[in-house]
Amino acid sequence: MFRGDSFVFEVQVLQDDGCSPQNITGWTAWFTAKEHYAVPDAQASIRLGSQAPLTGIVFTSPIEGKMEIVVPPQATVNFPDTAMCLVYDVQVKDGAGRVFTVELGTLRVRPDVTRAIA
């Protein structure tokens, strides 16, 4: 992604068999991106969620286990003029309070020329 741009991607939660969609109706989700694994969550570069006070995750088809992660321009507009590689994960919590990591990866944020986002 580019600094100061919107970045949108879809995540689908699957059941333990790895094939069948998991119904995530009533669940909550978080997206956390950091420069290093050891950075405390409160100091993460980007934090999004499906419930207030965190926003940016929308359950687009909960019966099919689908959600959309929307990183807004404001989340990266003040990043440096060099590329950054952030580690990220997406976690969900079911109705019983169990937490599962459903995606893990690296997000590269490259600098851009235009700094304005409005």
C-alpha atoms as a PDB file:
ATOM      1  CA  MET A   1       0.000   0.000   0.000  1.00  0.00           C
ATOM      2  CA  PHE A   2       0.994   3.652  -0.255  1.00  0.00           C
ATOM      3  CA  ARG A   3       1.198   6.044   2.665  1.00  0.00           C
ATOM      4  CA  GLY A   4      -1.973   8.127   2.941  1.00  0.00           C
ATOM      5  CA  ASP A   5      -4.034   5.872   0.643  1.00  0.00           C
ATOM      6  CA  SER A   6      -7.019   3.734   1.527  1.00  0.00           C
ATOM      7  CA  PHE A   7      -6.232   0.032   1.607  1.00  0.00           C
ATOM      8  CA  VAL A   8      -9.015  -2.555   1.590  1.00  0.00           C
ATOM      9  CA  PHE A   9      -8.790  -6.341   1.761  1.00  0.00           C
ATOM     10  CA  GLU A  10     -11.133  -9.205   2.589  1.00  0.00           C
ATOM     11  CA  VAL A  11     -10.642 -11.924   5.166  1.00  0.00           C
ATOM     12  CA  GLN A  12     -12.717 -15.078   5.374  1.00  0.00           C
ATOM     13  CA  VAL A  13     -12.859 -17.075   8.594  1.00  0.00           C
ATOM     14  CA  LEU A  14     -13.030 -20.823   8.024  1.00  0.00           C
ATOM     15  CA  GLN A  15     -13.982 -23.665  10.336  1.00  0.00           C
ATOM     16  CA  ASP A  16     -11.346 -26.060  11.693  1.00  0.00           C
ATOM     17  CA  ASP A  17     -11.547 -28.160   8.519  1.00  0.00           C
ATOM     18  CA  GLY A  18     -10.016 -25.225   6.608  1.00  0.00           C
ATOM     19  CA  CYS A  19     -12.691 -25.437   3.911  1.00  0.00           C
ATOM     20  CA  SER A  20     -16.096 -24.573   5.361  1.00  0.00           C
ATOM     21  CA  PRO A  21     -17.009 -20.940   6.132  1.00  0.00           C
ATOM     22  CA  GLN A  22     -17.433 -20.109   9.820  1.00  0.00           C
ATOM     23  CA  ASN A  23     -20.528 -18.123  10.765  1.00  0.00           C
ATOM     24  CA  ILE A  24     -19.126 -15.076  12.611  1.00  0.00           C
ATOM     25  CA  THR A  25     -22.453 -13.438  13.443  1.00  0.00           C
ATOM     26  CA  GLY A  26     -22.091 -11.700  16.817  1.00  0.00           C
ATOM     27  CA  TRP A  27     -18.300 -12.055  16.871  1.00  0.00           C
ATOM     28  CA  THR A  28     -15.755  -9.223  17.135  1.00  0.00           C
ATOM     29  CA  ALA A  29     -12.532  -8.702  15.172  1.00  0.00           C
ATOM     30  CA  TRP A  30      -9.262  -6.751  15.400  1.00  0.00           C
ATOM     31  CA  PHE A  31      -6.503  -5.813  12.960  1.00  0.00           C
ATOM     32  CA  THR A  32      -3.150  -4.842  14.471  1.00  0.00           C
ATOM     33  CA  ALA A  33      -0.051  -3.758  12.499  1.00  0.00           C
ATOM     34  CA  LYS A  34       3.318  -3.022  14.141  1.00  0.00           C
ATOM     35  CA  GLU A  35       6.954  -2.469  13.208  1.00  0.00           C
ATOM     36  CA  HIS A  36       7.984  -5.335  15.528  1.00  0.00           C
ATOM     37  CA  TYR A  37       6.148  -8.124  17.325  1.00  0.00           C
ATOM     38  CA  ALA A  38       7.359  -6.800  20.697  1.00  0.00           C
ATOM     39  CA  VAL A  39       5.632  -3.408  20.321  1.00  0.00           C
ATOM     40  CA  PRO A  40       2.696  -3.187  22.771  1.00  0.00           C
ATOM     41  CA  ASP A  41      -0.720  -3.191  21.110  1.00  0.00           C
ATOM     42  CA  ALA A  42      -1.439   0.308  22.457  1.00  0.00           C
ATOM     43  CA  GLN A  43       1.587   1.567  20.475  1.00  0.00           C
ATOM     44  CA  ALA A  44       0.806  -0.291  17.246  1.00  0.00           C
ATOM     45  CA  SER A  45       1.211   1.648  14.004  1.00  0.00           C
ATOM     46  CA  ILE A  46      -2.345   0.722  12.941  1.00  0.00           C
ATOM     47  CA  ARG A  47      -5.208  -0.629  15.059  1.00  0.00           C
ATOM     48  CA  LEU A  48      -8.666  -1.342  13.679  1.00  0.00           C
ATOM     49  CA  GLY A  49     -11.695  -3.156  15.027  1.00  0.00           C
ATOM     50  CA  SER A  50     -15.269  -4.165  14.426  1.00  0.00           C
ATOM     51  CA  GLN A  51     -16.616  -2.451  17.560  1.00  0.00           C
ATOM     52  CA  ALA A  52     -16.183   0.985  19.122  1.00  0.00           C
ATOM     53  CA  PRO A  53     -13.878   2.546  19.996  1.00  0.00           C
ATOM     54  CA  LEU A  54     -11.994   0.804  17.155  1.00  0.00           C
ATOM     55  CA  THR A  55     -13.468   0.941  13.651  1.00  0.00           C
ATOM     56  CA  GLY A  56     -12.396  -0.147  10.173  1.00  0.00           C
ATOM     57  CA  ILE A  57     -13.596  -3.755  10.130  1.00  0.00           C
ATOM     58  CA  VAL A  58     -16.991  -4.508   8.610  1.00  0.00           C
ATOM     59  CA  PHE A  59     -18.578  -7.959   8.572  1.00  0.00           C
ATOM     60  CA  THR A  60     -19.729  -8.027   4.944  1.00  0.00           C
ATOM     61  CA  SER A  61     -21.228 -11.530   4.998  1.00  0.00           C
ATOM     62  CA  PRO A  62     -21.015 -12.934   8.531  1.00  0.00           C
ATOM     63  CA  ILE A  63     -22.794 -16.187   7.671  1.00  0.00           C
ATOM     64  CA  GLU A  64     -20.009 -16.879   5.135  1.00  0.00           C
ATOM     65  CA  GLY A  65     -17.333 -15.710   7.599  1.00  0.00           C
ATOM     66  CA  LYS A  66     -16.413 -12.671   5.480  1.00  0.00           C
ATOM     67  CA  MET A  67     -15.156  -9.339   6.718  1.00  0.00           C
ATOM     68  CA  GLU A  68     -13.541  -6.334   5.074  1.00  0.00           C
ATOM     69  CA  ILE A  69     -10.516  -4.593   6.590  1.00  0.00           C
ATOM     70  CA  VAL A  70     -10.410  -0.899   5.605  1.00  0.00           C
ATOM     71  CA  VAL A  71      -7.187   0.930   6.474  1.00  0.00           C
ATOM     72  CA  PRO A  72      -8.098   4.627   6.128  1.00  0.00           C
ATOM     73  CA  PRO A  73      -5.712   7.280   4.745  1.00  0.00           C
ATOM     74  CA  GLN A  74      -5.430   8.879   8.206  1.00  0.00           C
ATOM     75  CA  ALA A  75      -3.813   5.719   9.584  1.00  0.00           C
ATOM     76  CA  THR A  76      -0.642   6.115   7.495  1.00  0.00           C
ATOM     77  CA  VAL A  77      -0.523   9.749   6.359  1.00  0.00           C
ATOM     78  CA  ASN A  78       2.152  10.622   8.949  1.00  0.00           C
ATOM     79  CA  PHE A  79       4.395   7.632   8.221  1.00  0.00           C
ATOM     80  CA  PRO A  80       8.019   8.466   7.221  1.00  0.00           C
ATOM     81  CA  ASP A  81       9.393   9.125   3.728  1.00  0.00           C
ATOM     82  CA  THR A  82      10.838   5.615   3.584  1.00  0.00           C
ATOM     83  CA  ALA A  83       9.151   2.263   3.065  1.00  0.00           C
ATOM     84  CA  MET A  84       7.981   0.503   6.211  1.00  0.00           C
ATOM     85  CA  CYS A  85       7.317  -3.202   6.642  1.00  0.00           C
ATOM     86  CA  LEU A  86       4.775  -3.903   9.340  1.00  0.00           C
ATOM     87  CA  VAL A  87       3.797  -7.285  10.752  1.00  0.00           C
ATOM     88  CA  TYR A  88       0.062  -7.688  11.174  1.00  0.00           C
ATOM     89  CA  ASP A  89      -2.580 -10.099  12.280  1.00  0.00           C
ATOM     90  CA  VAL A  90      -6.356 -10.347  12.266  1.00  0.00           C
ATOM     91  CA  GLN A  91      -7.952 -11.855  15.344  1.00  0.00           C
ATOM     92  CA  VAL A  92     -11.560 -12.737  16.099  1.00  0.00           C
ATOM     93  CA  LYS A  93     -13.424 -13.463  19.323  1.00  0.00           C
ATOM     94  CA  ASP A  94     -16.439 -15.768  19.290  1.00  0.00           C
ATOM     95  CA  GLY A  95     -19.527 -15.629  21.506  1.00  0.00           C
ATOM     96  CA  ALA A  96     -17.842 -17.858  24.109  1.00  0.00           C
ATOM     97  CA  GLY A  97     -14.921 -15.420  24.461  1.00  0.00           C
ATOM     98  CA  ARG A  98     -12.408 -17.615  22.616  1.00  0.00           C
ATOM     99  CA  VAL A  99      -9.831 -15.690  20.544  1.00  0.00           C
ATOM    100  CA  PHE A 100      -8.435 -16.978  17.259  1.00  0.00           C
ATOM    101  CA  THR A 101      -5.801 -15.549  14.896  1.00  0.00           C
ATOM    102  CA  VAL A 102      -7.258 -15.961  11.407  1.00  0.00           C
ATOM    103  CA  GLU A 103      -4.624 -14.163   9.342  1.00  0.00           C
ATOM    104  CA  LEU A 104      -0.985 -13.160   9.794  1.00  0.00           C
ATOM    105  CA  GLY A 105       1.244 -11.346   7.358  1.00  0.00           C
ATOM    106  CA  THR A 106       3.440  -8.421   6.389  1.00  0.00           C
ATOM    107  CA  LEU A 107       2.154  -5.082   5.138  1.00  0.00           C
ATOM    108  CA  ARG A 108       4.549  -2.900   3.148  1.00  0.00           C
ATOM    109  CA  VAL A 109       3.723   0.812   3.279  1.00  0.00           C
ATOM    110  CA  ARG A 110       5.593   2.778   0.636  1.00  0.00           C
ATOM    111  CA  PRO A 111       6.018   6.562   0.614  1.00  0.00           C
ATOM    112  CA  ASP A 112       4.113   8.598  -1.926  1.00  0.00           C
ATOM    113  CA  VAL A 113       4.518  12.035  -3.489  1.00  0.00           C
ATOM    114  CA  THR A 114       1.178  13.629  -2.608  1.00  0.00           C
ATOM    115  CA  ARG A 115       0.820  14.134   1.133  1.00  0.00           C
ATOM    116  CA  ALA A 116      -2.730  15.565   1.089  1.00  0.00           C
ATOM    117  CA  ILE A 117      -5.598  13.205   1.855  1.00  0.00           C
ATOM    118  CA  ALA A 118      -8.442  15.663   1.308  1.00  0.00           C
END
